[in-house]
Protein backbone atom coordinates (compact mmCIF):
# COMPACT_ATOMS: atom_id res chain seq x y z
CA MET A 1 -3.66 -81.11 -94.76
CA SER A 2 -2.77 -77.55 -94.12
CA GLY A 3 -5.75 -76.07 -96.01
CA ARG A 4 -4.05 -73.73 -97.37
CA ARG A 5 -5.92 -72.09 -100.64
CA PRO A 6 -3.79 -71.52 -103.94
CA PRO A 7 -2.66 -68.16 -104.60
CA PRO A 8 -5.43 -66.38 -106.46
CA LEU A 9 -3.32 -65.44 -109.08
CA ARG A 10 -2.90 -68.94 -109.68
CA LEU A 11 -6.13 -70.23 -109.70
CA LEU A 12 -6.78 -67.58 -112.16
CA GLN A 13 -4.11 -68.51 -114.39
CA VAL A 14 -5.79 -71.90 -114.51
CA THR A 15 -8.78 -70.37 -115.50
CA THR A 16 -7.08 -68.62 -118.58
CA LEU A 17 -5.43 -71.78 -119.37
CA VAL A 18 -8.65 -73.63 -119.77
CA SER A 19 -10.62 -71.00 -121.65
CA THR A 20 -7.74 -70.80 -124.02
CA LEU A 21 -7.53 -73.75 -124.62
CA ASP A 22 -10.77 -74.08 -125.60
CA ARG A 23 -10.75 -71.06 -127.60
CA PHE A 24 -7.53 -72.18 -130.09
CA ALA A 25 -8.51 -75.55 -130.35
CA MET A 26 -10.76 -75.18 -133.31
CA PRO A 27 -8.11 -72.80 -135.56
CA PRO A 28 -5.32 -75.87 -135.77
CA MET A 29 -8.31 -77.97 -136.80
CA LEU A 30 -10.01 -76.08 -139.52
CA VAL A 31 -9.35 -78.38 -142.62
CA ALA A 32 -9.54 -81.39 -140.66
CA ILE A 33 -13.21 -80.78 -139.51
CA ALA A 34 -14.10 -79.57 -143.26
CA ALA A 35 -12.99 -82.78 -144.70
CA GLY A 36 -14.53 -84.94 -141.43
CA LEU A 37 -18.05 -82.92 -142.25
CA GLY A 38 -17.87 -83.06 -145.54
CA VAL A 39 -18.07 -78.94 -146.18
CA PRO A 40 -16.25 -76.25 -147.92
CA LEU A 41 -13.41 -74.70 -145.63
CA ALA A 42 -15.19 -71.20 -145.68
CA SER A 43 -18.25 -72.87 -143.92
CA VAL A 44 -16.01 -74.00 -140.91
CA VAL A 45 -14.18 -70.58 -140.77
CA THR A 46 -17.65 -68.60 -140.62
CA ALA A 47 -18.54 -71.88 -137.78
CA ALA A 48 -15.07 -70.75 -135.93
CA GLY A 49 -16.36 -67.06 -136.35
CA ALA A 50 -19.31 -67.96 -134.57
CA TYR A 51 -17.35 -68.70 -131.58
CA PHE A 52 -15.61 -65.37 -131.42
CA LEU A 53 -18.97 -63.11 -132.38
CA VAL A 54 -21.02 -64.94 -129.62
CA TYR A 55 -18.14 -64.71 -127.12
CA GLY A 56 -17.53 -60.74 -127.88
CA LEU A 57 -21.60 -59.68 -127.63
CA GLY A 58 -22.08 -61.92 -124.13
CA GLN A 59 -19.34 -59.53 -122.65
CA PRO A 60 -21.20 -56.98 -121.12
CA LEU A 61 -23.73 -59.23 -120.29
CA TRP A 62 -21.31 -61.05 -117.80
CA GLY A 63 -19.72 -57.06 -116.73
CA PHE A 64 -23.25 -56.84 -115.28
CA ALA A 65 -23.69 -60.18 -114.01
CA SER A 66 -20.62 -60.27 -111.98
CA ASP A 67 -21.54 -56.89 -110.53
CA ARG A 68 -24.76 -58.04 -109.32
CA TYR A 69 -23.68 -61.67 -108.03
CA GLY A 70 -20.14 -61.69 -107.64
CA ARG A 71 -16.96 -62.10 -109.76
CA VAL A 72 -16.32 -66.03 -108.47
CA THR A 73 -19.87 -67.23 -108.42
CA VAL A 74 -20.29 -65.73 -112.28
CA LEU A 75 -16.95 -67.32 -112.78
CA ARG A 76 -17.86 -70.69 -111.72
CA GLY A 77 -21.35 -70.93 -113.15
CA SER A 78 -20.03 -70.12 -116.39
CA LEU A 79 -17.08 -72.11 -116.88
CA LEU A 80 -19.81 -75.43 -115.75
CA VAL A 81 -22.03 -74.51 -118.40
CA ALA A 82 -19.28 -73.76 -120.95
CA GLY A 83 -17.94 -77.18 -120.40
CA VAL A 84 -21.08 -79.08 -121.06
CA LEU A 85 -21.66 -77.22 -124.23
CA SER A 86 -18.17 -78.01 -125.64
CA LEU A 87 -18.69 -81.71 -124.67
CA VAL A 88 -21.82 -81.32 -126.71
CA SER A 89 -20.02 -79.81 -129.74
CA ALA A 90 -18.31 -83.03 -129.97
CA LEU A 91 -20.80 -85.09 -131.00
CA SER A 92 -21.74 -82.38 -133.99
CA PRO A 93 -23.22 -84.01 -137.42
CA THR A 94 -23.41 -81.02 -138.99
CA VAL A 95 -21.58 -77.88 -139.81
CA LEU A 96 -24.87 -76.14 -138.72
CA VAL A 97 -25.07 -77.80 -135.57
CA LEU A 98 -21.33 -77.54 -134.95
CA GLY A 99 -21.53 -73.34 -135.42
CA ILE A 100 -24.46 -73.19 -132.90
CA THR A 101 -22.88 -75.32 -130.20
CA ARG A 102 -19.55 -73.77 -130.38
CA GLY A 103 -21.06 -70.50 -130.67
CA LEU A 104 -22.75 -70.78 -126.92
CA ALA A 105 -19.78 -72.42 -125.71
CA GLY A 106 -18.16 -69.16 -126.90
CA GLY A 107 -20.36 -67.50 -125.28
CA PHE A 108 -20.20 -68.99 -121.76
CA PHE A 109 -16.18 -69.28 -121.76
CA GLY A 110 -16.35 -65.60 -122.79
CA ALA A 111 -16.81 -65.58 -118.52
CA ALA A 112 -13.34 -66.53 -117.81
CA TYR A 113 -10.71 -63.74 -119.02
CA PRO A 114 -12.73 -60.77 -118.33
CA SER A 115 -13.75 -61.73 -114.82
CA ALA A 116 -10.13 -62.52 -114.00
CA LEU A 117 -9.15 -59.39 -115.29
CA ILE A 118 -11.36 -57.44 -113.21
CA TYR A 119 -10.81 -59.45 -110.12
CA LEU A 120 -7.26 -58.69 -110.32
CA GLY A 121 -8.65 -54.79 -111.05
CA ASP A 122 -10.59 -55.30 -107.59
CA THR A 123 -7.30 -56.47 -105.79
CA VAL A 124 -4.68 -55.38 -107.38
CA GLU A 125 -3.01 -51.74 -106.94
CA PRO A 126 -2.54 -49.73 -109.90
CA ALA A 127 1.41 -49.25 -110.14
CA ARG A 128 1.60 -52.86 -110.10
CA ARG A 129 -1.61 -54.01 -112.02
CA GLN A 130 0.00 -54.57 -115.43
CA GLN A 131 2.76 -56.78 -113.97
CA ALA A 132 0.09 -58.72 -112.63
CA ILE A 133 -2.04 -58.97 -116.06
CA THR A 134 1.28 -59.67 -117.77
CA GLY A 135 1.27 -62.87 -114.93
CA LEU A 136 -2.10 -63.65 -116.14
CA MET A 137 -1.06 -64.04 -119.33
CA VAL A 138 1.23 -67.22 -118.61
CA GLY A 139 -2.14 -69.43 -118.48
CA VAL A 140 -2.74 -67.75 -122.08
CA ALA A 141 0.50 -68.79 -123.56
CA VAL A 142 0.58 -72.28 -122.18
CA GLY A 143 -3.55 -72.87 -123.45
CA THR A 144 -2.54 -71.28 -126.95
CA ALA A 145 0.73 -73.62 -127.24
CA ALA A 146 -1.07 -76.74 -125.85
CA ALA A 147 -3.87 -76.13 -128.19
CA SER A 148 -2.23 -74.65 -131.21
CA ALA A 149 0.05 -78.02 -131.10
CA GLY A 150 -2.27 -80.59 -129.36
CA ALA A 151 -5.44 -79.73 -131.58
CA GLY A 152 -3.68 -80.18 -135.02
CA ALA A 153 -1.84 -83.33 -133.83
CA LEU A 154 -5.42 -85.04 -132.25
CA ALA A 155 -7.09 -84.28 -135.71
CA ASP A 156 -4.14 -85.70 -137.40
CA LEU A 157 -3.98 -89.02 -135.22
CA THR A 158 -7.42 -89.68 -133.79
CA SER A 159 -9.91 -86.85 -134.42
CA TRP A 160 -11.08 -83.46 -134.22
CA ARG A 161 -13.95 -84.09 -131.85
CA LEU A 162 -11.42 -85.24 -128.88
CA ALA A 163 -10.44 -81.81 -128.42
CA PHE A 164 -13.54 -80.73 -127.78
CA VAL A 165 -14.10 -83.54 -125.25
CA LEU A 166 -11.16 -82.63 -123.70
CA THR A 167 -11.38 -78.73 -122.87
CA GLY A 168 -15.22 -79.16 -121.84
CA THR A 169 -14.00 -81.92 -119.20
CA ALA A 170 -11.30 -79.57 -118.44
CA ALA A 171 -14.03 -76.64 -117.83
CA VAL A 172 -16.54 -78.82 -115.75
CA VAL A 173 -13.84 -79.46 -113.36
CA LEU A 174 -12.59 -76.27 -113.08
CA SER A 175 -15.99 -74.75 -112.30
CA PHE A 176 -15.47 -76.79 -108.81
CA VAL A 177 -11.69 -76.17 -108.14
CA LEU A 178 -12.60 -72.69 -107.86
CA ARG A 179 -14.53 -72.61 -104.67
CA ALA A 180 -11.22 -72.09 -103.44
CA LEU A 181 -10.94 -68.53 -104.99
CA PRO A 182 -12.20 -65.84 -102.66
CA GLU A 183 -14.58 -63.07 -103.49
CA PRO A 184 -12.78 -60.33 -103.39
CA ASP A 185 -14.40 -56.87 -101.36
CA SER A 186 -16.69 -54.96 -103.30
CA GLY A 187 -15.91 -51.81 -101.13
CA GLY A 188 -19.62 -50.65 -100.66
CA PRO A 189 -22.04 -51.09 -103.04
CA ARG A 190 -21.53 -51.76 -107.05
CA ALA A 191 -22.31 -49.18 -109.70
CA THR A 192 -25.87 -50.05 -111.35
CA VAL A 193 -26.07 -51.08 -115.21
CA ARG A 194 -27.45 -47.82 -116.15
CA SER A 195 -24.96 -45.91 -114.49
CA SER A 196 -22.40 -47.62 -116.06
CA LEU A 197 -23.44 -47.37 -119.19
CA GLY A 198 -24.15 -43.38 -118.59
CA ALA A 199 -20.55 -43.00 -117.20
CA ILE A 200 -19.15 -44.85 -120.61
CA ALA A 201 -21.30 -43.45 -123.09
CA ARG A 202 -20.06 -39.59 -121.33
CA SER A 203 -15.88 -40.65 -121.39
CA ARG A 204 -14.60 -39.99 -124.65
CA VAL A 205 -11.50 -41.81 -123.89
CA THR A 206 -13.26 -44.91 -122.69
CA LEU A 207 -14.59 -45.29 -125.97
CA LEU A 208 -11.71 -44.32 -127.62
CA VAL A 209 -9.80 -47.37 -125.64
CA LEU A 210 -13.06 -49.77 -126.80
CA ALA A 211 -12.09 -48.51 -130.22
CA PHE A 212 -8.47 -49.91 -129.63
CA ALA A 213 -9.58 -53.09 -128.65
CA PHE A 214 -11.99 -53.84 -131.72
CA THR A 215 -9.26 -52.80 -134.26
CA GLU A 216 -6.90 -55.12 -132.20
CA GLY A 217 -9.20 -58.05 -132.86
CA VAL A 218 -9.42 -57.50 -136.29
CA VAL A 219 -5.62 -57.23 -136.71
CA LEU A 220 -3.92 -59.51 -133.92
CA LEU A 221 -6.68 -62.02 -133.22
CA GLY A 222 -7.65 -62.53 -137.03
CA ALA A 223 -4.31 -62.76 -138.07
CA LEU A 224 -3.41 -65.77 -135.49
CA THR A 225 -6.60 -67.52 -136.42
CA LEU A 226 -5.68 -68.09 -139.68
CA LEU A 227 -1.76 -68.94 -139.01
CA PRO A 228 -2.26 -72.38 -139.00
CA THR A 229 -4.72 -72.70 -142.13
CA ALA A 230 -2.25 -69.94 -144.44
CA VAL A 231 0.40 -72.98 -143.19
CA GLU A 232 -1.64 -75.71 -144.63
CA SER A 233 -1.98 -73.98 -148.07
CA ALA A 234 1.50 -74.17 -148.53
CA GLY A 235 1.28 -77.96 -147.76
CA ALA A 236 2.15 -78.71 -144.56
CA SER A 237 0.33 -81.44 -142.29
CA ALA A 238 -2.21 -80.06 -139.58
CA THR A 239 0.25 -81.31 -137.30
CA LEU A 240 3.00 -79.12 -138.73
CA ALA A 241 0.64 -76.05 -138.88
CA GLY A 242 -0.44 -76.61 -135.33
CA ALA A 243 3.02 -76.91 -133.84
CA VAL A 244 4.37 -73.54 -135.93
CA THR A 245 1.04 -71.35 -134.13
CA GLY A 246 2.15 -73.24 -130.68
CA VAL A 247 5.72 -71.30 -131.02
CA TYR A 248 2.86 -68.00 -130.73
CA GLY A 249 2.16 -69.86 -127.24
CA VAL A 250 6.08 -69.88 -126.14
CA ALA A 251 6.47 -66.09 -127.28
CA VAL A 252 3.44 -65.06 -125.26
CA LEU A 253 5.13 -67.07 -122.58
CA LEU A 254 8.65 -65.30 -123.03
CA GLY A 255 7.45 -61.89 -123.84
CA SER A 256 4.62 -61.95 -120.86
CA SER A 257 7.54 -62.15 -118.71
CA SER A 258 9.67 -59.38 -120.53
CA VAL A 259 7.14 -57.26 -120.71
CA GLY A 260 5.85 -57.66 -116.69
CA ARG A 261 9.29 -56.51 -115.79
CA LEU A 262 9.58 -53.70 -118.61
CA SER A 263 5.94 -52.18 -117.54
CA LEU A 264 7.63 -51.08 -113.99
CA ALA A 265 10.52 -49.05 -116.26
CA TRP A 266 8.50 -47.96 -119.56
CA HIS A 267 5.46 -45.74 -120.37
CA PRO A 268 2.74 -48.03 -121.07
CA ALA A 269 2.39 -46.02 -124.88
CA ARG A 270 6.06 -47.70 -125.50
CA LEU A 271 4.58 -50.93 -125.21
CA ILE A 272 1.85 -50.42 -127.35
CA LEU A 273 3.89 -48.74 -130.10
CA LEU A 274 6.43 -52.26 -129.70
CA GLY A 275 3.67 -54.27 -129.99
CA ALA A 276 1.75 -52.90 -133.06
CA GLY A 277 5.28 -52.37 -134.85
CA CYS A 278 5.43 -56.49 -134.33
CA GLY A 279 2.16 -57.33 -135.53
CA ALA A 280 2.76 -55.29 -139.02
CA LEU A 281 5.76 -56.73 -139.23
CA GLY A 282 4.64 -60.06 -138.99
CA ALA A 283 1.56 -59.48 -141.10
CA ALA A 284 3.82 -57.90 -143.46
CA LEU A 285 5.90 -61.67 -143.61
CA LEU A 286 3.13 -63.63 -143.99
CA ALA A 287 1.58 -61.66 -146.45
CA LEU A 288 4.73 -62.33 -149.00
CA SER A 289 4.99 -66.17 -147.87
CA GLN A 290 3.16 -68.63 -145.89
CA ALA A 291 5.61 -71.29 -145.26
CA PRO A 292 6.27 -73.01 -142.13
CA LEU A 293 9.69 -71.12 -141.26
CA THR A 294 8.08 -67.69 -142.20
CA ALA A 295 5.20 -68.70 -140.40
CA VAL A 296 7.51 -69.63 -137.12
CA VAL A 297 8.86 -65.81 -137.42
CA VAL A 298 5.76 -64.54 -137.84
CA ALA A 299 4.55 -66.60 -134.50
CA VAL A 300 6.97 -65.19 -132.37
CA LEU A 301 6.35 -61.86 -133.58
CA LEU A 302 2.67 -61.92 -133.20
CA GLY A 303 3.40 -63.16 -129.64
CA VAL A 304 5.34 -60.38 -128.53
CA ALA A 305 2.55 -58.16 -130.13
CA TRP A 306 0.09 -59.65 -127.59
CA SER A 307 2.08 -59.53 -124.82
CA ALA A 308 3.34 -55.89 -125.10
CA MET A 309 0.22 -53.86 -126.89
CA HIS A 310 -2.99 -55.93 -125.84
CA SER A 311 -1.47 -56.31 -122.03
CA SER A 312 -0.99 -52.29 -122.27
CA LEU A 313 -4.25 -51.85 -123.75
CA GLN A 314 -5.96 -54.35 -121.03
CA THR A 315 -4.59 -52.40 -118.10
CA TRP A 316 -5.86 -49.12 -119.57
CA ALA A 317 -8.88 -50.85 -119.76
CA THR A 318 -9.16 -51.28 -115.86
CA GLU A 319 -7.94 -48.21 -114.96
CA VAL A 320 -9.85 -45.79 -117.17
CA LEU A 321 -13.13 -45.66 -115.50
CA PRO A 322 -12.98 -47.02 -112.11
CA GLY A 323 -16.68 -46.88 -110.97
CA ALA A 324 -17.68 -48.84 -113.99
CA ARG A 325 -14.27 -51.33 -113.92
CA ALA A 326 -16.25 -54.44 -114.47
CA VAL A 327 -18.70 -53.16 -117.40
CA VAL A 328 -15.81 -51.32 -119.27
CA VAL A 329 -13.35 -54.47 -119.21
CA SER A 330 -16.24 -56.66 -120.32
CA LEU A 331 -16.99 -54.29 -123.47
CA PHE A 332 -13.60 -54.31 -123.65
CA ALA A 333 -13.28 -57.98 -124.67
CA GLY A 334 -16.17 -58.04 -126.67
CA ALA A 335 -14.84 -55.44 -128.65
CA LEU A 336 -11.95 -57.13 -128.76
CA PHE A 337 -13.81 -60.83 -130.05
CA VAL A 338 -16.82 -58.81 -132.20
CA GLY A 339 -13.59 -57.42 -134.11
CA SER A 340 -12.16 -60.63 -134.66
CA ALA A 341 -15.19 -62.44 -135.43
CA LEU A 342 -16.07 -59.83 -138.00
CA ALA A 343 -12.54 -60.00 -139.33
CA ALA A 344 -13.18 -63.73 -139.70
CA ALA A 345 -16.41 -63.24 -141.78
CA ALA A 346 -15.09 -60.74 -144.35
CA VAL A 347 -12.04 -62.90 -145.13
CA ALA A 348 -13.79 -66.23 -145.46
CA ALA A 349 -13.92 -65.78 -149.27
CA PRO A 350 -10.63 -64.88 -149.78
CA VAL A 351 -9.34 -67.76 -147.33
CA GLU A 352 -11.68 -70.32 -149.52
CA SER A 353 -9.83 -69.20 -152.69
CA GLY A 354 -6.31 -69.03 -151.10
CA ARG A 355 -5.43 -65.46 -151.25
CA PHE A 356 -3.41 -65.25 -147.95
CA GLY A 357 -0.94 -62.47 -149.20
CA ALA A 358 -3.92 -60.32 -149.74
CA VAL A 359 -5.36 -61.07 -146.73
CA TYR A 360 -2.29 -60.44 -144.06
CA ALA A 361 -1.50 -57.23 -146.54
CA GLY A 362 -4.82 -55.93 -145.24
CA TYR A 363 -4.10 -57.01 -141.36
CA ALA A 364 -0.48 -55.16 -141.49
CA ALA A 365 -1.99 -51.70 -143.01
CA LEU A 366 -4.51 -51.91 -139.89
CA ALA A 367 -2.01 -52.59 -137.29
CA LEU A 368 -0.19 -49.34 -137.91
CA PRO A 369 -2.48 -46.61 -137.54
CA LEU A 370 -3.87 -48.78 -134.63
CA GLY A 371 -0.47 -48.57 -132.94
CA VAL A 372 0.25 -44.69 -133.45
CA GLY A 373 -3.52 -43.91 -132.24
CA ALA A 374 -3.04 -45.72 -129.12
CA TRP A 375 0.43 -44.52 -128.69
CA ALA A 376 -0.29 -41.25 -128.57
CA ALA A 377 -3.76 -41.52 -127.00
CA ARG A 378 -2.60 -43.33 -124.07
CA ARG A 379 0.88 -41.23 -124.09
CA HIS A 380 -1.51 -38.41 -123.36
CA TRP A 381 -3.88 -39.79 -120.86
CA ARG A 382 -3.97 -39.36 -116.89
CA ARG A 383 -4.71 -41.89 -114.26
CA PRO A 384 -7.73 -40.44 -112.39
CA VAL A 385 -7.03 -39.58 -108.97
CA ALA A 386 -10.45 -39.59 -107.53
CA GLY A 387 -12.55 -43.22 -108.43
CA GLY A 388 -12.30 -45.80 -105.78
CA GLU A 389 -9.03 -47.20 -107.17
CA PRO A 390 -7.91 -49.55 -104.28
């Protein structure tokens, strides 16, 4: 054997794949879980929201922990605990227990993606960073497609519980595989929690980026989380609804490749505007019809929106305050998923009564000011010259 280590980007792509598998396994199974546990759909939607809420609220803690204990150490430990919790959630006898165990699993899985972003921020030069980050989205795309199509099929053919067994086992195995990932050079002592938070509080542009992340979580993640349920409301099976949502993963996969190339020539502000426009159009179409064919088009548009706008905002988060990068990126991810969780709680009642048109009209209305505001702000921002960029 040669003993060669896998490239870090490949390991990080697998990390994002596994964490995304777990994150997107539940949405295609909401109806099946409600039927299996004998509870209203709104209760299961709220349980799914608990995952995103704890996922989001835990982000700052992972940023602080990675600064203190190391990027890879935190990543491996969090995946191990997340995998065990996902396995336990498969045994949930009630929706309350499911909400608790899934919420805790989300909190630990929450370390995966921001840790991968921080790692790339530490090791990839700014000029090529967005290209690397869109490469990271390959794992997200494959995980999304596999979870969306596979979880719905598992729920139809066997049991919704099996999906959590599979994602939990994969996370435990990955925690050991990541021993091959080298710890990045810190370049000296890292900032303290107090100094990082102080710098963020004094940086208006950083606070603005975090506000954009929160709104993006409401719009894009909110629209995607409810997509399979909306399709099922039009009479489709869980398998078909999951397959339709799986198109989103394919769109992210293809869109990430295109955006990676475009990022070398296009200003990020243009990519943000493109993504916001696709997101608004997709939400507007689903407000008019929840039919499977319409949902396929919407899934493609949401995939392009995620590839173009989200990757641009993520890259901005790694650059805006280099001295506090870990904490900024963690707060960015936290804001994103807190926005998604609050959106899930806010729309639980309309979803229960089948008012998907009103829900998606709201998402479309929010996407437009998000895109215009983020486009204008990013267009006028200039990368700081000092601050320890690699």
